[in-house]
Every structure is written in structure tokens, then in C-alpha cells.
């Protein structure tokens, strides 16, 4: 029933009321519910009795719930609640989410959503009674409440099958969740510290090549509590050096770096750089195209580099997923150029040579896809031609220990369940290795695989002993 839940509808309700309404529709499917059951349902969302009373009155006043006394022959009839006709009409329209099972799992209050740090404590052994009591007391702080669940459900409803959320800024999230900006940032911070959001690419504007770039959220579908409802992808960790090991830069880093350090009309591309970007080396080595990748002074160079690399990774991921067996014969055709322009969305106020820009970026995406294909060939445990791919730069995910030339590749079969494995430079590692095995690899602090630091409060360190 929740699949038609109007997550995208601007209901005039508080975020607490929206979370309780979503959980009620998910669990009871508009059937009658008594007051005691409703209190238990709200308690699973970390809502107190006074808050529950207020939001029930709010939903009844909005015409979403109706009071229904029980049919009894003697005594005072017990009051209950049921979904109204207006709520049934709102649920009539079918809505399909790529991550339906995860939205379903999050909206059910009986399913535990705790931080990855708390998950480690929950499985700890040989604890004294005092330590066990302290751990149980702290779990309430590590647990996702009703509003946090609602925000996570909204993000999951807008994510693709890889957990990447695009074009969902603060203004849109405030409309969808009912939270003001201050509370929204606080709950986004809590989701990040709990491990449900791996990283965020902040948005910016006033760059002619991309116009207004919206924020991008990377949801951690490898979180221990989410893997119960959604099978995790296989992960390959690799670097982007060429065969001779001459270049450790990403494609976007090379383009933006060339524009920044050679700010002029002429840009000299070396033969190795042109090969790394997929351009024919016999062409003229001087090109003024890179000046269009020069970010304005008020925009951080790193932000532009990460955004441009995200575009190249999107294009290369699509090429790997659709042309795995024919990638050596792929050229920059009209379809690929159209994909480049859809991702860039340049500002209408500036006239840019898009016929040259999309050609260059298309060639760079093809070269990137071919390099990744070559590095994935040792992974014989996967049927690579029958998989979909998602490239994620390791620095964009905050992976410590990796320089600018390394990236992760998420791999999922097009049909069937993924293999729960991690591959590091061709070597297979079990998905849940021991602590000793983790310490042998530099991706120990990866948000995809490991336990984050204990929660803080809104970016400030919590006092000792709390």
C-alpha cells in the first residue's frame, strides 16, 4: 500500500505527522487502529505521548484520519481511528520507486535503523552489566526517529537503484518533508553520522558550462540495516593510472587543472594527455577548449572538478552497462552527445561551442569506460557482460588513503541478486571481513564498508561520557 504513498505531495502537515501517517499506511493499510496501538506505533518512531496526541489531532483536523468508535453492546465505546476517504483518494495514484523495498523497510517503525557504530556495539560480546546498560542507554541516541526515517524515505524515493539522489536541494527537501532549513540540515547531518548518507556533492551556480548544479547525495545502501531489505552491490576498488603508470589524475582533474594553470587563449595538450582523454594524438596539440572549464573565482576549483568528474562517471557507467561487448567499437555518436548535453545543462546566457565540448567529453567518457573495462577483466567471479555499473570517485566518497586517481566501481547483475563481495585491485575479499583483515587494506575508513566515528551533535563534539 505504501508504494502509492504520496511522498512527493505537499501535504500541509508537520514532519512528525507525515512520518506517523506513512508508518500507519505501511503497517495497517488504512484499517481501524485503536489508541493503544497508535501509541505503540508512535513509540517505535521515538515519539512521546504528548507529541502523538498533537499530531493525531492534526491529522484528524486535516481530514486524513476519522474517529471510529468500536462496536460494543455494553459500556463506553472505545475510540479508534481509520483512514478517511480523502486519504484513500490520495493513495489511488500509483507511484513507482526504484528502491521500493527500501522505502517499505524504512517506513515500517518496527524495523530498527541505527548507526553503524551502534550496530558494532550491539554485536559486542563479553561486556559487563554496567557497560551493557550504558550501551542500551545510548542506543536511543543512535536510533533514527520518525522525522529522520521520513527524511530517509524521501531521499530513497528520489534515488536511483544505486542510491544516488540528484537535483534535490534544500528548498525541494523542505517542501517534501515539511522541515524548516535548520531542522533539515540537522537531520541530514544525523543521517550522515549514522552512515546512511555516504557523501554529499554540494551544488553551486554561475558556471557557464553547467549553469546551476544541484546537490547530489550518495546513500549508503551497504549499511548493515539496509542490506536486510536490499542486496548490496559488489564493489571494485581501483586506480585510474594508464598502462605505463604515467598519470594518476582523474579526467576532470586533468581538464580543470589545465584550464587553471594555463589561463590564456592557447592550451597545449601533450600526446599522453590527449590519449588519456581519448582524443586522437595526431590532431593539433593546441586547443583553446579548456578555457571553458575554468571555474569562476567565487566557485571552488575542487567543486567544479568533482561535478565534472561526476558527469564523466555517469557517461562511462552508461557505456559500460549498455556496450560492454562492443565498447572497442563505440564512437561519439549523436546519442552520446545528447547524453552529454543533458548532464551539463549549460547556462542560456553564455554561448559555448557545445559541438566541441560534447565531443571532447564523449571521447573522455569512452576512454574512461575502456580503461575500467580493462581493469575489471581479472574479476572472473562475475559475469561482467550481464552487469550494470556505477563509477564513483573515491575522493568524492571521502575515502581516506586514496589519492585523486582512485575510484570505486559498483557492480550489479541486470537480472538476479548481486554477489556480496569486495574486489581490491583484482583480489577478492569477503563482504564481511574480520577486523584483522580490514587493517590490511587502505580502504579501512571507507564509508561503504566500515564503521564511522561515534555520533556528535550538529557537528560539535559530544561531552565526555555522554
Protein backbone atom coordinates (compact mmCIF):
# COMPACT_ATOMS: atom_id res chain seq x y z
CA UNK A 1 0.00 0.00 0.00
CA UNK A 2 2.85 2.38 0.76
CA UNK A 3 4.02 2.24 -2.87
CA UNK A 4 1.28 4.74 -3.67
CA UNK A 5 2.09 6.83 -0.60
CA UNK A 6 2.22 10.46 -1.72
CA UNK A 7 5.79 11.09 -0.64
CA UNK A 8 6.05 13.80 -3.27
CA UNK A 9 2.79 15.51 -2.32
CA UNK A 10 2.87 18.80 -0.44
CA UNK A 11 0.69 17.82 2.47
CA UNK A 12 0.02 20.59 4.98
CA UNK A 13 1.31 18.51 7.89
CA UNK A 14 4.20 18.64 10.31
CA UNK A 15 7.09 16.22 9.65
CA UNK A 16 6.14 14.21 12.76
CA UNK A 17 2.60 13.79 11.42
CA UNK A 18 3.90 12.75 8.00
CA UNK A 19 6.16 10.09 9.47
CA UNK A 20 3.38 8.65 11.65
CA UNK A 21 0.93 8.72 8.74
CA UNK A 22 3.40 6.92 6.47
CA UNK A 23 4.04 4.25 9.11
CA UNK A 24 0.29 3.80 9.70
CA UNK A 25 -0.40 3.32 5.97
CA UNK A 26 2.54 0.92 5.67
CA UNK A 27 1.63 -1.26 8.68
CA UNK A 28 -2.17 -1.08 8.97
CA UNK A 29 -3.16 -0.19 5.38
CA UNK A 30 -5.95 2.25 6.34
CA UNK A 31 -7.62 -0.28 8.67
CA UNK A 32 -9.02 0.76 12.04
CA UNK A 33 -6.43 1.20 14.78
CA UNK A 34 -7.05 1.69 18.48
CA UNK A 35 -5.48 4.35 20.64
CA UNK A 36 -3.14 1.89 22.36
CA UNK A 37 -1.95 0.50 19.02
CA UNK A 38 -1.43 4.03 17.73
CA UNK A 39 0.67 4.91 20.78
CA UNK A 40 2.78 1.78 20.25
CA UNK A 41 3.24 2.71 16.60
CA UNK A 42 4.35 6.23 17.56
CA UNK A 43 6.68 4.87 20.24
CA UNK A 44 8.51 2.91 17.55
CA UNK A 45 9.15 6.28 15.87
CA UNK A 46 10.57 7.74 19.11
CA UNK A 47 7.52 9.99 19.57
CA UNK A 48 6.26 10.77 23.06
CA UNK A 49 2.62 10.59 24.14
CA UNK A 50 2.03 14.40 24.10
CA UNK A 51 3.52 14.65 20.60
CA UNK A 52 1.39 11.72 19.45
CA UNK A 53 -1.76 13.37 20.78
CA UNK A 54 -0.95 16.61 18.98
CA UNK A 55 -0.20 15.05 15.61
CA UNK A 56 -3.28 12.79 15.76
CA UNK A 57 -5.40 15.90 16.28
CA UNK A 58 -3.54 17.46 13.36
CA UNK A 59 -4.31 14.53 11.04
CA UNK A 60 -7.95 14.41 12.13
CA UNK A 61 -8.26 18.15 11.52
CA UNK A 62 -6.72 17.74 8.05
CA UNK A 63 -9.33 15.11 7.19
CA UNK A 64 -6.83 12.28 6.77
CA UNK A 65 -7.98 10.23 9.78
CA UNK A 66 -11.51 9.81 11.13
CA UNK A 67 -12.54 8.82 14.64
CA UNK A 68 -14.28 5.43 14.68
CA UNK A 69 -15.72 4.09 17.95
CA UNK A 70 -15.70 0.34 18.34
CA UNK A 71 -18.95 -1.64 18.08
CA UNK A 72 -19.77 -2.66 21.64
CA UNK A 73 -23.10 -3.52 23.24
CA UNK A 74 -22.16 -2.53 26.78
CA UNK A 75 -20.06 0.12 28.41
CA UNK A 76 -18.34 3.09 26.93
CA UNK A 77 -17.28 2.57 23.30
CA UNK A 78 -13.53 2.62 22.74
CA UNK A 79 -12.34 5.25 20.35
CA UNK A 80 -10.14 4.39 17.39
CA UNK A 81 -9.00 5.85 14.09
CA UNK A 82 -9.17 4.82 10.43
CA UNK A 83 -8.10 6.26 7.11
CA UNK A 84 -10.53 8.75 5.61
CA UNK A 85 -11.90 8.88 2.09
CA UNK A 86 -9.57 11.76 1.30
CA UNK A 87 -6.56 9.66 2.27
CA UNK A 88 -7.82 6.81 0.09
CA UNK A 89 -8.07 9.16 -2.88
CA UNK A 90 -4.51 10.37 -2.25
CA UNK A 91 -3.31 6.77 -2.30
CA UNK A 92 -5.16 5.95 -5.50
CA UNK A 93 -2.40 7.16 -7.83
CA UNK A 94 0.31 4.57 -8.45
CA UNK A 95 3.89 5.69 -7.72
CA UNK A 96 6.87 3.50 -8.55
CA UNK A 97 10.28 3.87 -6.86
CA UNK A 98 13.50 2.14 -7.96
CA UNK A 99 14.21 1.36 -4.28
CA UNK A 100 10.68 0.29 -3.34
CA UNK A 101 11.81 -2.38 -0.91
CA UNK A 102 13.97 0.10 0.99
CA UNK A 103 11.21 2.71 1.22
CA UNK A 104 8.98 -0.06 2.51
CA UNK A 105 11.59 -1.12 5.06
CA UNK A 106 12.27 2.39 6.35
CA UNK A 107 8.60 3.34 6.79
CA UNK A 108 7.93 0.30 8.98
CA UNK A 109 8.65 1.51 12.51
CA UNK A 110 9.33 -1.99 13.86
CA UNK A 111 12.45 -2.27 11.69
CA UNK A 112 15.49 -0.94 13.54
CA UNK A 113 17.52 1.81 11.93
CA UNK A 114 20.60 2.55 14.00
CA UNK A 115 24.02 3.96 13.26
CA UNK A 116 26.80 1.68 12.07
CA UNK A 117 28.63 2.45 15.29
CA UNK A 118 25.66 1.20 17.32
CA UNK A 119 25.48 -1.92 15.16
CA UNK A 120 29.01 -2.78 16.24
CA UNK A 121 28.11 -2.29 19.90
CA UNK A 122 25.00 -4.41 19.54
CA UNK A 123 27.07 -7.41 18.45
CA UNK A 124 29.81 -6.95 21.06
CA UNK A 125 30.45 -9.79 23.49
CA UNK A 126 32.00 -10.11 26.96
CA UNK A 127 30.52 -6.84 28.21
CA UNK A 128 29.92 -6.22 31.87
CA UNK A 129 26.42 -5.44 33.12
CA UNK A 130 27.30 -1.76 33.57
CA UNK A 131 28.73 -1.49 30.07
CA UNK A 132 25.72 -3.27 28.65
CA UNK A 133 23.34 -0.85 30.38
CA UNK A 134 25.29 2.15 29.15
CA UNK A 135 25.22 0.77 25.62
CA UNK A 136 21.48 0.25 25.75
CA UNK A 137 21.01 3.78 27.12
CA UNK A 138 22.98 5.25 24.22
CA UNK A 139 21.10 3.31 21.55
CA UNK A 140 18.22 5.77 21.72
CA UNK A 141 20.62 8.48 20.60
CA UNK A 142 21.94 6.29 17.78
CA UNK A 143 18.45 5.31 16.61
CA UNK A 144 16.64 7.00 13.72
CA UNK A 145 13.45 8.66 14.95
CA UNK A 146 10.28 9.27 13.00
CA UNK A 147 11.39 12.50 11.29
CA UNK A 148 14.78 11.03 10.41
CA UNK A 149 13.05 7.97 8.93
CA UNK A 150 10.74 10.22 6.94
CA UNK A 151 13.67 12.19 5.50
CA UNK A 152 15.50 8.97 4.61
CA UNK A 153 12.34 7.63 2.92
CA UNK A 154 12.04 10.81 0.83
CA UNK A 155 15.68 10.53 -0.24
CA UNK A 156 15.25 6.86 -1.12
CA UNK A 157 12.13 7.68 -3.13
CA UNK A 158 14.19 10.08 -5.27
CA UNK A 159 17.27 7.85 -5.58
CA UNK A 160 18.20 5.57 -8.45
CA UNK A 161 18.93 1.89 -7.94
CA UNK A 162 22.48 2.77 -6.86
CA UNK A 163 21.35 5.13 -4.12
CA UNK A 164 22.37 8.37 -5.88
CA UNK A 165 20.00 11.32 -5.42
CA UNK A 166 20.28 14.20 -7.89
CA UNK A 167 18.68 17.62 -8.19
CA UNK A 168 17.23 17.64 -4.68
CA UNK A 169 18.31 20.82 -2.97
CA UNK A 170 17.37 22.29 0.39
CA UNK A 171 14.33 24.13 -0.99
CA UNK A 172 12.84 20.98 -2.53
CA UNK A 173 13.55 18.90 0.56
CA UNK A 174 11.82 21.43 2.80
CA UNK A 175 8.69 21.18 0.63
CA UNK A 176 8.74 17.38 0.58
CA UNK A 177 9.47 16.80 4.26
CA UNK A 178 7.80 19.78 5.95
CA UNK A 179 11.01 20.57 7.85
CA UNK A 180 12.45 24.04 8.04
CA UNK A 181 16.01 24.52 6.84
CA UNK A 182 17.60 24.36 10.29
CA UNK A 183 15.91 21.09 11.24
CA UNK A 184 16.50 19.68 7.76
CA UNK A 185 20.25 20.26 7.99
CA UNK A 186 20.31 18.75 11.48
CA UNK A 187 18.60 15.53 10.30
CA UNK A 188 20.77 15.37 7.17
CA UNK A 189 23.79 15.61 9.45
CA UNK A 190 22.41 12.80 11.63
CA UNK A 191 21.85 10.56 8.59
CA UNK A 192 25.46 11.20 7.57
CA UNK A 193 26.82 10.38 11.00
CA UNK A 194 24.67 7.27 11.24
CA UNK A 195 26.17 6.06 7.96
CA UNK A 196 23.04 6.25 5.75
CA UNK A 197 24.48 9.10 3.63
CA UNK A 198 27.99 8.40 2.42
CA UNK A 199 28.71 11.80 0.95
CA UNK A 200 27.12 14.92 -0.49
CA UNK A 201 28.29 16.88 -3.52
CA UNK A 202 27.22 20.45 -2.81
CA UNK A 203 25.51 22.43 -5.52
CA UNK A 204 26.66 25.73 -7.00
CA UNK A 205 25.64 28.16 -9.76
CA UNK A 206 27.09 30.69 -12.20
CA UNK A 207 29.40 28.32 -14.04
CA UNK A 208 28.59 28.72 -17.76
CA UNK A 209 29.30 25.10 -18.60
CA UNK A 210 26.79 23.67 -16.13
CA UNK A 211 24.60 26.61 -15.23
CA UNK A 212 23.06 25.73 -11.88
CA UNK A 213 24.42 22.49 -10.43
CA UNK A 214 22.14 20.84 -7.89
CA UNK A 215 23.25 18.91 -4.83
CA UNK A 216 23.94 15.17 -5.17
CA UNK A 217 23.54 12.73 -2.25
CA UNK A 218 25.18 9.29 -2.18
CA UNK A 219 23.06 6.99 0.01
CA UNK A 220 24.92 4.11 1.62
CA UNK A 221 22.98 1.03 0.51
CA UNK A 222 25.72 -1.07 2.12
CA UNK A 223 24.59 -0.01 5.59
CA UNK A 224 24.06 -3.14 7.73
CA UNK A 225 20.41 -2.25 8.43
CA UNK A 226 19.61 -1.60 4.76
CA UNK A 227 21.26 -4.75 3.43
CA UNK A 228 18.47 -6.75 5.07
CA UNK A 229 15.96 -5.31 2.59
CA UNK A 230 18.19 -4.62 -0.42
CA UNK A 231 21.10 -6.80 -1.56
CA UNK A 232 24.39 -4.93 -1.65
CA UNK A 233 26.34 -4.43 -4.85
CA UNK A 234 29.75 -5.85 -5.45
CA UNK A 235 32.48 -3.24 -5.05
CA UNK A 236 35.68 -2.93 -7.07
CA UNK A 237 38.37 -0.52 -5.84
CA UNK A 238 40.98 0.50 -8.40
CA UNK A 239 43.11 3.41 -9.55
CA UNK A 240 42.97 5.25 -12.87
CA UNK A 241 46.58 5.11 -13.96
CA UNK A 242 47.29 4.28 -17.58
CA UNK A 243 49.27 1.20 -18.59
CA UNK A 244 52.61 2.94 -18.08
CA UNK A 245 51.59 4.46 -14.76
CA UNK A 246 52.30 7.98 -16.02
CA UNK A 247 49.13 9.71 -14.87
CA UNK A 248 47.33 9.48 -11.55
CA UNK A 249 44.87 12.29 -12.21
CA UNK A 250 41.21 11.81 -12.93
CA UNK A 251 39.90 13.04 -16.25
CA UNK A 252 38.16 16.06 -14.77
CA UNK A 253 41.20 16.93 -12.67
CA UNK A 254 43.32 16.98 -15.80
CA UNK A 255 40.88 19.20 -17.73
CA UNK A 256 40.22 21.70 -14.94
CA UNK A 257 43.86 21.73 -13.86
CA UNK A 258 44.94 22.54 -17.40
CA UNK A 259 42.44 25.39 -17.54
CA UNK A 260 43.51 26.83 -14.19
CA UNK A 261 47.28 26.69 -14.65
CA UNK A 262 47.26 27.82 -18.28
CA UNK A 263 44.72 30.63 -18.25
CA UNK A 264 45.11 32.01 -21.75
CA UNK A 265 43.98 31.52 -25.33
CA UNK A 266 46.28 28.61 -26.05
CA UNK A 267 46.28 25.28 -24.20
CA UNK A 268 49.00 22.78 -25.01
CA UNK A 269 47.84 19.19 -24.61
CA UNK A 270 50.61 16.60 -24.58
CA UNK A 271 50.27 13.35 -26.50
CA UNK A 272 49.88 11.32 -23.29
CA UNK A 273 47.19 13.70 -22.02
CA UNK A 274 45.25 13.51 -25.28
CA UNK A 275 45.45 9.73 -25.14
CA UNK A 276 44.28 9.74 -21.53
CA UNK A 277 41.28 11.86 -22.56
CA UNK A 278 40.52 9.67 -25.57
CA UNK A 279 41.48 12.28 -28.17
CA UNK A 280 43.44 11.29 -31.29
CA UNK A 281 47.10 12.12 -30.71
CA UNK A 282 47.67 13.09 -34.36
CA UNK A 283 45.42 16.13 -34.00
CA UNK A 284 46.70 19.60 -33.23
CA UNK A 285 48.10 19.69 -29.70
CA UNK A 286 46.98 23.31 -29.13
CA UNK A 287 43.37 23.78 -28.13
CA UNK A 288 41.54 26.68 -26.55
CA UNK A 289 38.67 24.45 -25.45
CA UNK A 290 39.92 24.06 -21.88
CA UNK A 291 39.23 27.72 -21.06
CA UNK A 292 35.52 26.87 -20.91
CA UNK A 293 36.26 24.55 -17.99
CA UNK A 294 37.80 27.37 -15.97
CA UNK A 295 35.61 27.92 -12.89
CA UNK A 296 34.76 31.46 -11.80
CA UNK A 297 36.67 32.89 -8.87
CA UNK A 298 33.75 32.55 -6.45
CA UNK A 299 33.37 28.81 -7.19
CA UNK A 300 35.84 26.39 -5.69
CA UNK A 301 38.03 24.59 -8.22
CA UNK A 302 37.58 21.31 -6.33
CA UNK A 303 33.77 21.59 -6.51
CA UNK A 304 33.88 22.08 -10.29
CA UNK A 305 36.31 19.17 -10.67
CA UNK A 306 34.11 16.81 -8.66
CA UNK A 307 30.97 17.88 -10.55
CA UNK A 308 32.64 17.40 -13.94
CA UNK A 309 34.03 14.01 -12.87
CA UNK A 310 30.52 13.03 -11.78
CA UNK A 311 29.32 13.78 -15.33
CA UNK A 312 32.12 11.71 -16.87
CA UNK A 313 31.43 8.85 -14.46
CA UNK A 314 27.73 8.93 -15.40
CA UNK A 315 28.58 8.68 -19.10
CA UNK A 316 31.16 5.93 -18.60
CA UNK A 317 28.78 3.96 -16.37
CA UNK A 318 26.10 4.08 -19.07
CA UNK A 319 28.59 2.94 -21.72
CA UNK A 320 29.80 0.02 -19.60
CA UNK A 321 26.24 -1.07 -18.84
CA UNK A 322 24.98 -0.93 -22.44
CA UNK A 323 28.04 -1.54 -24.68
CA UNK A 324 30.23 -3.92 -22.69
CA UNK A 325 30.77 -6.35 -25.55
CA UNK A 326 31.11 -3.64 -28.24
CA UNK A 327 32.92 -0.93 -26.28
CA UNK A 328 36.00 -1.06 -28.51
CA UNK A 329 33.89 -0.02 -31.49
CA UNK A 330 31.91 2.76 -29.75
CA UNK A 331 32.32 6.30 -31.11
CA UNK A 332 30.91 9.69 -30.15
CA UNK A 333 27.56 9.46 -31.91
CA UNK A 334 24.52 11.73 -31.66
CA UNK A 335 23.06 9.72 -28.76
CA UNK A 336 26.18 10.12 -26.63
CA UNK A 337 26.38 13.84 -27.45
CA UNK A 338 22.77 14.23 -26.38
CA UNK A 339 23.56 12.49 -23.09
CA UNK A 340 26.46 14.89 -22.50
CA UNK A 341 24.28 17.94 -23.07
CA UNK A 342 21.53 16.61 -20.81
CA UNK A 343 24.04 16.21 -17.98
CA UNK A 344 25.78 19.55 -18.48
CA UNK A 345 22.76 21.86 -18.91
CA UNK A 346 24.85 24.96 -19.77
CA UNK A 347 23.67 28.43 -18.90
CA UNK A 348 21.50 30.02 -21.58
CA UNK A 349 23.19 33.38 -21.14
CA UNK A 350 26.56 32.12 -22.38
CA UNK A 351 27.32 30.89 -25.88
CA UNK A 352 29.61 27.87 -25.69
CA UNK A 353 30.91 25.66 -28.53
CA UNK A 354 28.86 22.68 -27.39
CA UNK A 355 29.60 20.74 -30.58
CA UNK A 356 33.25 20.65 -29.46
CA UNK A 357 32.66 20.30 -25.74
CA UNK A 358 30.36 17.29 -26.04
CA UNK A 359 32.82 15.71 -28.50
CA UNK A 360 35.69 16.10 -26.04
CA UNK A 361 33.74 14.86 -23.03
CA UNK A 362 32.28 11.99 -25.08
CA UNK A 363 35.78 10.89 -26.05
CA UNK A 364 36.95 11.17 -22.45
CA UNK A 365 33.98 9.06 -21.25
CA UNK A 366 34.71 6.36 -23.85
CA UNK A 367 38.38 6.27 -22.85
CA UNK A 368 37.38 6.04 -19.17
CA UNK A 369 34.94 3.20 -19.84
CA UNK A 370 37.57 1.28 -21.80
CA UNK A 371 40.15 1.63 -19.01
CA UNK A 372 37.67 0.44 -16.39
CA UNK A 373 36.71 -2.48 -18.62
CA UNK A 374 40.35 -3.49 -18.90
CA UNK A 375 40.87 -3.31 -15.14
CA UNK A 376 37.72 -5.34 -14.43
CA UNK A 377 38.68 -8.28 -16.64
CA UNK A 378 40.59 -10.13 -13.84
CA UNK A 379 37.31 -10.38 -11.87
CA UNK A 380 36.38 -13.78 -13.23
CA UNK A 381 33.84 -14.41 -10.45
CA UNK A 382 31.35 -12.06 -12.14
CA UNK A 383 29.55 -12.38 -15.47
CA UNK A 384 30.70 -8.91 -16.46
CA UNK A 385 28.79 -8.70 -19.74
CA UNK A 386 25.48 -9.22 -17.87
CA UNK A 387 26.01 -6.47 -15.25
CA UNK A 388 25.26 -2.80 -14.74
CA UNK A 389 27.95 -0.46 -13.48
CA UNK A 390 28.27 2.72 -11.43
CA UNK A 391 31.55 4.62 -11.18
CA UNK A 392 32.17 6.61 -8.01
CA UNK A 393 35.37 8.60 -7.45
CA UNK A 394 36.92 7.60 -4.16
CA UNK A 395 37.67 11.21 -3.06
CA UNK A 396 34.01 12.14 -3.64
CA UNK A 397 33.01 9.49 -1.12
CA UNK A 398 35.54 10.70 1.43
CA UNK A 399 37.62 7.54 1.30
CA UNK A 400 40.78 8.15 3.30
CA UNK A 401 44.03 6.73 2.00
CA UNK A 402 43.26 7.22 -1.70
CA UNK A 403 44.65 9.96 -3.88
CA UNK A 404 42.87 11.74 -6.73
CA UNK A 405 43.41 8.90 -9.20
CA UNK A 406 41.40 6.15 -7.49
CA UNK A 407 37.75 5.25 -7.84
CA UNK A 408 35.19 2.67 -6.81
CA UNK A 409 33.01 0.71 -9.22
CA UNK A 410 29.70 -0.72 -8.03
CA UNK A 411 28.58 -3.82 -9.95
CA UNK A 412 25.07 -5.31 -10.03
CA UNK A 413 23.73 -8.04 -12.31
CA UNK A 414 20.94 -6.91 -14.61
CA UNK A 415 18.96 -9.98 -13.56
CA UNK A 416 19.30 -11.79 -10.27
CA UNK A 417 20.99 -11.00 -6.99
CA UNK A 418 24.48 -9.43 -6.80
CA UNK A 419 27.46 -11.30 -5.43
CA UNK A 420 28.21 -9.89 -1.94
CA UNK A 421 31.93 -9.38 -2.45
CA UNK A 422 34.60 -6.70 -2.45
CA UNK A 423 37.40 -6.68 -5.01
CA UNK A 424 40.62 -4.73 -4.35
CA UNK A 425 42.82 -4.49 -7.44
CA UNK A 426 41.59 -7.84 -8.71
CA UNK A 427 41.78 -9.69 -5.39
CA UNK A 428 38.51 -10.93 -3.92
CA UNK A 429 37.72 -10.12 -0.29
CA UNK A 430 34.70 -11.36 1.64
CA UNK A 431 31.97 -8.79 2.17
CA UNK A 432 32.20 -9.04 5.97
CA UNK A 433 35.93 -9.49 6.71
CA UNK A 434 37.30 -9.55 10.22
CA UNK A 435 38.91 -6.51 11.80
CA UNK A 436 42.35 -8.00 11.23
CA UNK A 437 41.66 -8.50 7.53
CA UNK A 438 40.34 -4.94 7.19
CA UNK A 439 43.53 -3.48 8.62
CA UNK A 440 45.49 -4.96 5.72
CA UNK A 441 43.74 -2.70 3.20
CA UNK A 442 43.91 1.09 2.83
CA UNK A 443 40.12 1.36 2.39
CA UNK A 444 39.61 0.76 6.12
CA UNK A 445 37.83 4.12 6.57
CA UNK A 446 35.60 3.72 3.51
CA UNK A 447 32.02 4.80 4.34
CA UNK A 448 30.80 1.99 2.11
CA UNK A 449 32.28 -0.73 4.27
CA UNK A 450 33.30 0.39 7.72
CA UNK A 451 32.09 1.88 10.96
CA UNK A 452 32.04 5.71 11.26
CA UNK A 453 33.00 7.67 14.33
CA UNK A 454 30.53 7.98 17.20
CA UNK A 455 27.75 10.49 16.74
CA UNK A 456 28.27 14.14 17.59
CA UNK A 457 25.61 16.79 17.95
CA UNK A 458 25.28 19.09 14.94
CA UNK A 459 28.98 18.98 14.16
CA UNK A 460 30.19 19.61 17.73
CA UNK A 461 32.00 17.00 19.77
CA UNK A 462 29.80 15.50 22.44
CA UNK A 463 30.95 15.94 26.05
CA UNK A 464 32.96 13.10 27.51
CA UNK A 465 30.89 10.31 28.99
CA UNK A 466 27.72 11.15 27.06
